[in-house]
Amino acid sequence: MNAIRSPLNGELKQTIPETEWVRMNGRDVIEERAVSGYTISNHYKRNPDSFSKSVEIPLTWLTDVLAKQVDQRKSIDSEKYEAMLTFGGKTYRVVSNFSGPIDYPVSPCHGDFFGPNILTDGATVTGVIDWEWGSVEGSPVVDALFYLLQLGDTLFDDLSDGIQKTLIDETRYSATVWSALHDLCLAIGCRLRDLIYLLPYPYLRRARIQKQRYGQYEKVWLQKADHAARMGRTILDFNRSPYDL
């Protein structure tokens, strides 16, 4: 069994479990060793106080990590934007008149940053497990958007209702989410508008990786991308943010 050396360092490395190759069912697989803490999903309750904790613990940690990953940046022009939001012959764009470019740092990306994959001691993140969908050179918007979209989908009636309650309606839920996204944008040097432009992207990225690896994908990711694109247009059309978009 050979230990896997991570190219990451600092606070991010401290929260990633040690891994090693093991032989299981006749093939080599990566095994993650146990890490301390309980899952952030223990805080998932449909009330503003629990919701705030569910957002602030992981998003504060994520923002602190991403703030240290600003050396290498990439720029997304209109052509790249279309490519990022196109899958299976359909483009899930939030706007037709994209006012790019979007500029952000290249950073590690987990890809499934949610629920049981995030461990906490009740104050901060103590571990992030299951990096199956991760990338060392990824986008800093994927994990924050995936987390917040999935949280809304979990706590409210469906994804559209979750986006309505947490990004469109004037509620304590939306105040918490917009504050977290504002802090993230300040840390990575991009605009809030850029995040809304990319609202469907975490779901399309997931479907694209599944297709590349397994030759098929779960259609639910495209359904979610469609909802995210539609609701993203509503956010921009009505400027549903307490901050400048």
Protein backbone atom coordinates (compact mmCIF):
# COMPACT_ATOMS: atom_id res chain seq x y z
CA MET A 1 0.00 0.00 0.00
CA ASN A 2 1.41 3.36 -1.02
CA ALA A 3 0.58 6.63 0.72
CA ILE A 4 -0.86 9.29 -1.57
CA ARG A 5 0.91 12.62 -1.37
CA SER A 6 -1.35 15.61 -1.71
CA PRO A 7 -0.16 18.63 -3.74
CA LEU A 8 -2.17 20.81 -1.33
CA ASN A 9 -0.89 22.41 1.82
CA GLY A 10 -1.87 24.67 4.68
CA GLU A 11 -5.36 24.73 6.15
CA LEU A 12 -6.89 22.85 3.23
CA LYS A 13 -4.48 19.92 3.61
CA GLN A 14 -5.21 19.75 7.35
CA THR A 15 -8.89 19.09 6.68
CA ILE A 16 -8.37 16.43 3.99
CA PRO A 17 -8.20 12.88 5.40
CA GLU A 18 -5.04 10.85 4.91
CA THR A 19 -5.47 8.39 2.07
CA GLU A 20 -3.81 5.24 0.86
CA TRP A 21 -4.20 2.64 -1.86
CA VAL A 22 -5.80 -0.60 -0.67
CA ARG A 23 -6.78 -3.80 -2.45
CA MET A 24 -10.55 -4.32 -2.34
CA ASN A 25 -12.63 -6.81 -4.33
CA GLY A 26 -9.72 -7.51 -6.63
CA ARG A 27 -8.88 -3.91 -7.52
CA ASP A 28 -6.90 -0.99 -6.14
CA VAL A 29 -9.00 1.77 -4.58
CA ILE A 30 -8.32 4.89 -2.53
CA GLU A 31 -9.28 4.56 1.12
CA GLU A 32 -9.78 7.63 3.29
CA ARG A 33 -8.88 7.28 6.94
CA ALA A 34 -11.35 8.40 9.58
CA VAL A 35 -11.31 12.05 10.65
CA SER A 36 -12.86 13.69 13.70
CA GLY A 37 -16.09 15.65 13.89
CA TYR A 38 -19.75 15.22 13.03
CA THR A 39 -21.42 16.03 9.73
CA ILE A 40 -22.62 19.55 9.04
CA SER A 41 -26.01 18.08 8.07
CA ASN A 42 -26.76 17.77 11.80
CA HIS A 43 -27.43 21.53 11.63
CA TYR A 44 -29.83 21.27 8.68
CA LYS A 45 -33.12 22.55 10.05
CA ARG A 46 -35.72 24.81 8.49
CA ASN A 47 -35.34 27.76 10.83
CA PRO A 48 -33.20 30.89 10.37
CA ASP A 49 -30.80 30.26 13.27
CA SER A 50 -29.93 26.68 12.28
CA PHE A 51 -29.77 27.74 8.65
CA SER A 52 -27.28 30.49 9.49
CA LYS A 53 -25.01 28.00 11.20
CA SER A 54 -25.38 25.60 8.28
CA VAL A 55 -24.15 28.34 5.94
CA GLU A 56 -21.60 30.18 8.06
CA ILE A 57 -19.50 27.20 9.22
CA PRO A 58 -18.68 25.73 5.77
CA LEU A 59 -18.72 28.98 3.80
CA THR A 60 -16.45 30.82 6.25
CA TRP A 61 -13.99 27.92 6.05
CA LEU A 62 -14.24 27.78 2.27
CA THR A 63 -13.75 31.52 1.92
CA ASP A 64 -10.67 31.45 4.16
CA VAL A 65 -9.18 28.61 2.09
CA LEU A 66 -9.91 30.23 -1.27
CA ALA A 67 -8.52 33.59 -0.13
CA LYS A 68 -5.09 31.92 -0.06
CA GLN A 69 -5.40 30.57 -3.63
CA VAL A 70 -5.09 33.80 -5.61
CA ASP A 71 -1.70 33.48 -7.33
CA GLN A 72 -2.92 31.91 -10.59
CA ARG A 73 -6.06 33.32 -12.21
CA LYS A 74 -8.12 32.45 -15.26
CA SER A 75 -10.46 34.51 -17.38
CA ILE A 76 -13.71 33.30 -18.92
CA ASP A 77 -14.78 35.06 -22.10
CA SER A 78 -18.12 34.62 -23.86
CA GLU A 79 -16.91 31.58 -25.81
CA LYS A 80 -15.68 29.79 -22.69
CA TYR A 81 -18.83 30.76 -20.84
CA GLU A 82 -20.98 29.10 -23.49
CA ALA A 83 -18.79 25.98 -23.38
CA MET A 84 -18.99 25.72 -19.58
CA LEU A 85 -22.79 25.89 -19.63
CA THR A 86 -23.35 23.58 -22.61
CA PHE A 87 -23.96 19.87 -22.21
CA GLY A 88 -25.75 17.33 -24.37
CA GLY A 89 -26.46 19.85 -27.10
CA LYS A 90 -28.21 22.33 -24.79
CA THR A 91 -26.85 25.54 -23.28
CA TYR A 92 -28.04 26.37 -19.75
CA ARG A 93 -27.08 30.03 -19.89
CA VAL A 94 -28.36 32.50 -17.32
CA VAL A 95 -28.01 35.45 -19.71
CA SER A 96 -27.86 35.67 -23.48
CA ASN A 97 -25.89 38.92 -23.46
CA PHE A 98 -22.98 37.77 -21.32
CA SER A 99 -21.04 40.79 -20.05
CA GLY A 100 -17.76 39.03 -19.33
CA PRO A 101 -15.07 38.32 -18.81
CA ILE A 102 -15.31 36.50 -15.48
CA ASP A 103 -11.98 36.51 -13.69
CA TYR A 104 -11.22 34.28 -10.71
CA PRO A 105 -8.35 32.29 -9.19
CA VAL A 106 -7.61 28.70 -10.11
CA SER A 107 -8.18 26.72 -6.93
CA PRO A 108 -8.86 23.26 -5.50
CA CYS A 109 -12.45 22.13 -5.97
CA HIS A 110 -14.20 19.34 -4.06
CA GLY A 111 -17.19 18.97 -6.38
CA ASP A 112 -19.52 17.38 -3.80
CA PHE A 113 -19.17 19.90 -0.99
CA PHE A 114 -22.29 19.13 1.02
CA GLY A 115 -23.88 17.29 3.93
CA PRO A 116 -22.04 14.18 5.16
CA ASN A 117 -18.87 15.13 3.27
CA ILE A 118 -18.26 18.10 5.60
CA LEU A 119 -17.27 17.41 9.20
CA THR A 120 -17.41 20.02 11.94
CA ASP A 121 -16.88 20.47 15.66
CA GLY A 122 -19.74 22.95 15.77
CA ALA A 123 -17.55 25.99 15.21
CA THR A 124 -15.41 25.24 12.16
CA VAL A 125 -14.77 22.58 9.54
CA THR A 126 -12.60 19.74 10.86
CA GLY A 127 -12.59 17.56 7.76
CA VAL A 128 -13.78 17.31 4.17
CA ILE A 129 -14.11 13.75 2.88
CA ASP A 130 -14.99 11.94 -0.35
CA TRP A 131 -12.96 13.83 -2.96
CA GLU A 132 -14.22 11.61 -5.79
CA TRP A 133 -15.43 14.61 -7.81
CA GLY A 134 -12.52 16.90 -6.88
CA SER A 135 -9.92 18.75 -8.90
CA VAL A 136 -6.73 20.49 -7.82
CA GLU A 137 -7.03 23.10 -10.58
CA GLY A 138 -10.73 23.91 -10.43
CA SER A 139 -13.11 26.81 -10.05
CA PRO A 140 -13.61 28.54 -6.68
CA VAL A 141 -17.32 29.06 -7.36
CA VAL A 142 -18.27 25.39 -7.70
CA ASP A 143 -18.23 24.35 -4.05
CA ALA A 144 -19.95 27.45 -2.69
CA LEU A 145 -22.73 27.35 -5.28
CA PHE A 146 -23.21 23.58 -5.07
CA TYR A 147 -23.43 23.76 -1.29
CA LEU A 148 -25.94 26.61 -1.18
CA LEU A 149 -28.10 25.21 -3.97
CA GLN A 150 -28.20 21.75 -2.41
CA LEU A 151 -28.96 23.24 1.02
CA GLY A 152 -31.96 25.11 -0.37
CA ASP A 153 -33.12 22.00 -2.23
CA THR A 154 -32.85 19.94 0.97
CA LEU A 155 -34.58 22.31 3.38
CA PHE A 156 -37.37 23.65 1.18
CA ASP A 157 -39.90 22.12 -1.22
CA ASP A 158 -37.51 21.71 -4.16
CA LEU A 159 -34.55 23.44 -5.79
CA SER A 160 -36.61 26.27 -7.29
CA ASP A 161 -38.31 26.91 -3.95
CA GLY A 162 -34.93 26.81 -2.22
CA ILE A 163 -33.51 29.42 -4.59
CA GLN A 164 -36.65 31.51 -4.15
CA LYS A 165 -36.35 31.45 -0.35
CA THR A 166 -32.57 31.89 -0.13
CA LEU A 167 -31.70 34.17 -3.06
CA ILE A 168 -34.85 35.98 -4.21
CA ASP A 169 -37.29 36.60 -1.35
CA GLU A 170 -36.30 39.11 1.33
CA THR A 171 -35.86 36.70 4.25
CA ARG A 172 -33.33 35.96 6.98
CA TYR A 173 -32.34 32.97 4.86
CA SER A 174 -31.46 35.14 1.87
CA ALA A 175 -29.67 37.71 4.05
CA THR A 176 -27.39 34.92 5.32
CA VAL A 177 -26.68 33.54 1.85
CA TRP A 178 -25.99 36.90 0.20
CA SER A 179 -23.66 37.89 3.03
CA ALA A 180 -21.68 34.66 2.62
CA LEU A 181 -21.47 35.09 -1.16
CA HIS A 182 -20.42 38.73 -0.78
CA ASP A 183 -17.56 37.71 1.52
CA LEU A 184 -16.52 34.98 -0.91
CA CYS A 185 -16.42 37.42 -3.82
CA LEU A 186 -14.28 39.86 -1.86
CA ALA A 187 -11.88 37.02 -1.01
CA ILE A 188 -11.42 35.71 -4.56
CA GLY A 189 -11.77 39.03 -6.41
CA CYS A 190 -14.87 38.51 -8.53
CA ARG A 191 -18.34 40.06 -8.80
CA LEU A 192 -21.53 38.71 -7.27
CA ARG A 193 -23.02 38.89 -10.75
CA ASP A 194 -20.38 36.41 -11.92
CA LEU A 195 -21.59 33.82 -9.42
CA ILE A 196 -25.17 34.16 -10.67
CA TYR A 197 -23.96 33.83 -14.27
CA LEU A 198 -22.47 30.46 -13.26
CA LEU A 199 -25.35 29.23 -11.08
CA PRO A 200 -26.03 26.11 -13.21
CA TYR A 201 -22.35 25.23 -13.63
CA PRO A 202 -21.81 22.97 -10.57
CA TYR A 203 -24.56 20.64 -11.78
CA LEU A 204 -23.32 20.60 -15.38
CA ARG A 205 -19.79 19.90 -14.16
CA ARG A 206 -21.08 16.91 -12.21
CA ALA A 207 -22.97 15.49 -15.21
CA ARG A 208 -19.97 16.07 -17.47
CA ILE A 209 -17.59 14.20 -15.15
CA GLN A 210 -20.05 11.30 -14.79
CA LYS A 211 -20.34 11.09 -18.58
CA GLN A 212 -16.55 11.11 -19.03
CA ARG A 213 -15.94 8.45 -16.38
CA TYR A 214 -18.89 6.14 -16.74
CA GLY A 215 -20.34 6.84 -20.17
CA GLN A 216 -23.63 7.96 -18.62
CA TYR A 217 -24.91 10.53 -16.15
CA GLU A 218 -27.81 11.15 -13.82
CA LYS A 219 -30.42 13.28 -15.59
CA VAL A 220 -31.32 14.96 -12.30
CA TRP A 221 -28.19 17.13 -12.66
CA LEU A 222 -29.49 18.60 -15.92
CA GLN A 223 -32.91 19.17 -14.39
CA LYS A 224 -31.26 21.04 -11.54
CA ALA A 225 -29.09 23.03 -13.98
CA ASP A 226 -32.24 24.05 -15.86
CA HIS A 227 -33.92 25.25 -12.64
CA ALA A 228 -30.76 27.11 -11.59
CA ALA A 229 -30.49 28.89 -14.96
CA ARG A 230 -34.15 29.95 -14.88
CA MET A 231 -33.99 31.20 -11.31
CA GLY A 232 -30.66 32.91 -12.02
CA ARG A 233 -32.37 34.98 -14.71
CA THR A 234 -35.00 36.03 -12.18
CA ILE A 235 -32.30 37.09 -9.70
CA LEU A 236 -30.63 39.29 -12.32
CA ASP A 237 -33.82 40.65 -13.85
CA PHE A 238 -35.12 41.87 -10.50
CA ASN A 239 -31.70 42.57 -8.91
CA ARG A 240 -32.59 40.35 -5.94
CA SER A 241 -29.53 41.07 -3.84
CA PRO A 242 -28.85 43.54 -1.01
CA TYR A 243 -25.48 44.13 -2.70
CA ASP A 244 -24.67 45.54 -6.11
CA LEU A 245 -24.89 42.98 -8.89
